[in-house]
Amino acid sequence: MTKLYLKLGALGAIVITVMYFITGYLDWISTEKFRMGKPFWVMNQRGKSDDFTVIGSSRAENCTDVTP
């Protein structure tokens, strides 16, 4: 019975280790996509003269009337 527990423990350690690296990679990917998102793009614009900027969800973008 102890051999079974040792095998299950080893398998669990391997699975946890693999999942740890997969989670780190997916977190890195999502962080990179988040940096390239619209709010960060808008906030990084310098030296431009904009009258109106909408930062928010697509609902805020599509339902806001910015015509003069």
N, C-alpha and C. Protein backbone atom coordinates (compact mmCIF):
# COMPACT_ATOMS: atom_id res chain seq x y z
N MET A 1 0.82 -1.20 0.00
CA MET A 1 0.00 0.00 0.00
C MET A 1 0.87 1.26 0.00
N THR A 2 2.03 1.18 0.64
CA THR A 2 2.89 2.36 0.68
C THR A 2 3.48 2.65 -0.70
N LYS A 3 3.68 1.61 -1.52
CA LYS A 3 4.17 1.84 -2.88
C LYS A 3 3.14 2.62 -3.69
N LEU A 4 1.86 2.30 -3.46
CA LEU A 4 0.79 3.02 -4.16
C LEU A 4 0.80 4.49 -3.75
N TYR A 5 0.96 4.76 -2.47
CA TYR A 5 1.00 6.14 -1.99
C TYR A 5 2.22 6.88 -2.53
N LEU A 6 3.35 6.21 -2.61
CA LEU A 6 4.54 6.83 -3.17
C LEU A 6 4.35 7.16 -4.64
N LYS A 7 3.75 6.25 -5.39
CA LYS A 7 3.50 6.50 -6.81
C LYS A 7 2.50 7.63 -7.00
N LEU A 8 1.45 7.63 -6.19
CA LEU A 8 0.46 8.70 -6.29
C LEU A 8 1.07 10.05 -5.89
N GLY A 9 1.91 10.04 -4.88
CA GLY A 9 2.59 11.27 -4.46
C GLY A 9 3.52 11.80 -5.55
N ALA A 10 4.26 10.89 -6.19
CA ALA A 10 5.16 11.30 -7.27
C ALA A 10 4.37 11.84 -8.45
N LEU A 11 3.30 11.15 -8.80
CA LEU A 11 2.45 11.62 -9.90
C LEU A 11 1.85 12.98 -9.57
N GLY A 12 1.39 13.15 -8.34
CA GLY A 12 0.83 14.44 -7.93
C GLY A 12 1.86 15.55 -8.00
N ALA A 13 3.10 15.26 -7.58
CA ALA A 13 4.16 16.26 -7.63
C ALA A 13 4.49 16.64 -9.07
N ILE A 14 4.50 15.65 -9.95
CA ILE A 14 4.78 15.94 -11.36
C ILE A 14 3.66 16.79 -11.96
N VAL A 15 2.43 16.43 -11.68
CA VAL A 15 1.29 17.18 -12.22
C VAL A 15 1.29 18.61 -11.69
N ILE A 16 1.56 18.79 -10.41
CA ILE A 16 1.58 20.13 -9.82
C ILE A 16 2.70 20.96 -10.43
N THR A 17 3.87 20.34 -10.64
CA THR A 17 4.99 21.06 -11.24
C THR A 17 4.67 21.50 -12.66
N VAL A 18 4.11 20.60 -13.45
CA VAL A 18 3.76 20.94 -14.83
C VAL A 18 2.69 22.02 -14.86
N MET A 19 1.69 21.90 -14.01
CA MET A 19 0.62 22.90 -13.98
C MET A 19 1.16 24.26 -13.51
N TYR A 20 2.15 24.26 -12.62
CA TYR A 20 2.76 25.50 -12.17
C TYR A 20 3.39 26.26 -13.34
N PHE A 21 4.14 25.53 -14.17
CA PHE A 21 4.78 26.18 -15.32
C PHE A 21 3.76 26.59 -16.38
N ILE A 22 2.75 25.79 -16.60
CA ILE A 22 1.71 26.16 -17.57
C ILE A 22 0.96 27.40 -17.10
N THR A 23 0.65 27.46 -15.81
CA THR A 23 -0.05 28.63 -15.27
C THR A 23 0.81 29.88 -15.38
N GLY A 24 2.10 29.76 -15.11
CA GLY A 24 3.00 30.91 -15.25
C GLY A 24 3.06 31.39 -16.69
N TYR A 25 3.12 30.46 -17.63
CA TYR A 25 3.17 30.83 -19.04
C TYR A 25 1.88 31.52 -19.47
N LEU A 26 0.74 30.96 -19.09
CA LEU A 26 -0.54 31.58 -19.46
C LEU A 26 -0.71 32.94 -18.80
N ASP A 27 -0.22 33.09 -17.59
CA ASP A 27 -0.27 34.39 -16.92
C ASP A 27 0.59 35.40 -17.66
N TRP A 28 1.76 34.97 -18.13
CA TRP A 28 2.64 35.86 -18.89
C TRP A 28 1.99 36.29 -20.20
N ILE A 29 1.32 35.35 -20.89
CA ILE A 29 0.65 35.68 -22.14
C ILE A 29 -0.47 36.69 -21.89
N SER A 30 -1.27 36.46 -20.86
CA SER A 30 -2.39 37.37 -20.61
C SER A 30 -1.89 38.74 -20.19
N THR A 31 -0.77 38.82 -19.48
CA THR A 31 -0.21 40.10 -19.10
C THR A 31 0.27 40.86 -20.33
N GLU A 32 0.90 40.17 -21.26
CA GLU A 32 1.36 40.82 -22.47
C GLU A 32 0.18 41.33 -23.29
N LYS A 33 -0.90 40.58 -23.37
CA LYS A 33 -2.07 41.04 -24.11
C LYS A 33 -2.71 42.23 -23.40
N PHE A 34 -2.69 42.21 -22.06
CA PHE A 34 -3.30 43.30 -21.30
C PHE A 34 -2.54 44.60 -21.52
N ARG A 35 -1.22 44.52 -21.63
CA ARG A 35 -0.43 45.72 -21.87
C ARG A 35 -0.73 46.32 -23.23
N MET A 36 -1.12 45.50 -24.16
CA MET A 36 -1.39 45.99 -25.50
C MET A 36 -2.85 46.42 -25.66
N GLY A 37 -3.60 46.40 -24.60
CA GLY A 37 -5.01 46.74 -24.66
C GLY A 37 -5.24 48.22 -24.92
N LYS A 38 -6.46 48.53 -25.26
CA LYS A 38 -6.84 49.90 -25.62
C LYS A 38 -6.54 50.93 -24.52
N PRO A 39 -6.86 50.66 -23.26
CA PRO A 39 -6.57 51.71 -22.25
C PRO A 39 -5.10 52.08 -22.18
N PHE A 40 -4.22 51.10 -22.25
CA PHE A 40 -2.81 51.41 -22.19
C PHE A 40 -2.35 52.10 -23.47
N TRP A 41 -2.90 51.74 -24.59
CA TRP A 41 -2.55 52.40 -25.84
C TRP A 41 -2.96 53.86 -25.80
N VAL A 42 -4.16 54.13 -25.30
CA VAL A 42 -4.66 55.50 -25.23
C VAL A 42 -3.81 56.32 -24.26
N MET A 43 -3.47 55.73 -23.11
CA MET A 43 -2.70 56.48 -22.12
C MET A 43 -1.26 56.72 -22.55
N ASN A 44 -0.76 55.95 -23.48
CA ASN A 44 0.62 56.12 -23.94
C ASN A 44 0.74 57.08 -25.12
N GLN A 45 -0.35 57.63 -25.59
CA GLN A 45 -0.30 58.60 -26.68
C GLN A 45 0.16 59.94 -26.12
N ARG A 46 1.19 60.50 -26.71
CA ARG A 46 1.75 61.76 -26.23
C ARG A 46 1.81 62.76 -27.40
N GLY A 47 1.60 64.01 -27.08
CA GLY A 47 1.74 65.06 -28.07
C GLY A 47 0.60 65.13 -29.07
N LYS A 48 -0.54 64.55 -28.75
CA LYS A 48 -1.69 64.61 -29.65
C LYS A 48 -2.76 65.50 -29.04
N SER A 49 -3.56 66.05 -29.88
CA SER A 49 -4.64 66.92 -29.43
C SER A 49 -5.97 66.21 -29.70
N ASP A 50 -6.48 65.55 -28.68
CA ASP A 50 -7.76 64.85 -28.81
C ASP A 50 -8.83 65.61 -28.03
N ASP A 51 -10.02 65.68 -28.62
CA ASP A 51 -11.12 66.33 -27.93
C ASP A 51 -11.80 65.38 -26.95
N PHE A 52 -11.83 64.10 -27.28
CA PHE A 52 -12.60 63.17 -26.47
C PHE A 52 -11.97 61.79 -26.56
N THR A 53 -11.87 61.12 -25.44
CA THR A 53 -11.36 59.75 -25.40
C THR A 53 -12.25 58.92 -24.51
N VAL A 54 -12.66 57.76 -25.01
CA VAL A 54 -13.51 56.86 -24.23
C VAL A 54 -12.68 55.64 -23.85
N ILE A 55 -12.55 55.43 -22.54
CA ILE A 55 -11.86 54.24 -22.04
C ILE A 55 -12.90 53.44 -21.28
N GLY A 56 -13.11 52.23 -21.69
CA GLY A 56 -14.09 51.38 -21.01
C GLY A 56 -14.42 50.18 -21.87
N SER A 57 -15.54 49.59 -21.57
CA SER A 57 -15.96 48.41 -22.31
C SER A 57 -16.47 48.81 -23.69
N SER A 58 -16.80 47.82 -24.48
CA SER A 58 -17.32 48.12 -25.82
C SER A 58 -18.65 48.83 -25.73
N ARG A 59 -19.39 48.62 -24.66
CA ARG A 59 -20.65 49.33 -24.49
C ARG A 59 -20.39 50.83 -24.32
N ALA A 60 -19.40 51.17 -23.53
CA ALA A 60 -19.07 52.59 -23.36
C ALA A 60 -18.59 53.19 -24.66
N GLU A 61 -17.84 52.42 -25.42
CA GLU A 61 -17.32 52.93 -26.69
C GLU A 61 -18.43 53.10 -27.73
N ASN A 62 -19.34 52.16 -27.80
CA ASN A 62 -20.38 52.20 -28.83
C ASN A 62 -21.59 53.05 -28.47
N CYS A 63 -21.81 53.32 -27.20
CA CYS A 63 -22.99 54.07 -26.79
C CYS A 63 -22.70 55.54 -26.46
N THR A 64 -21.47 55.96 -26.62
CA THR A 64 -21.12 57.34 -26.31
C THR A 64 -21.10 58.14 -27.61
N ASP A 65 -21.86 59.23 -27.62
CA ASP A 65 -21.93 60.10 -28.80
C ASP A 65 -20.86 61.17 -28.66
N VAL A 66 -19.86 61.12 -29.53
CA VAL A 66 -18.76 62.08 -29.44
C VAL A 66 -18.81 63.12 -30.55
N THR A 67 -19.89 63.19 -31.26
CA THR A 67 -20.01 64.19 -32.34
C THR A 67 -20.23 65.56 -31.71
N PRO A 68 -19.64 66.60 -32.28
CA PRO A 68 -19.81 67.95 -31.72
C PRO A 68 -21.19 68.51 -31.97
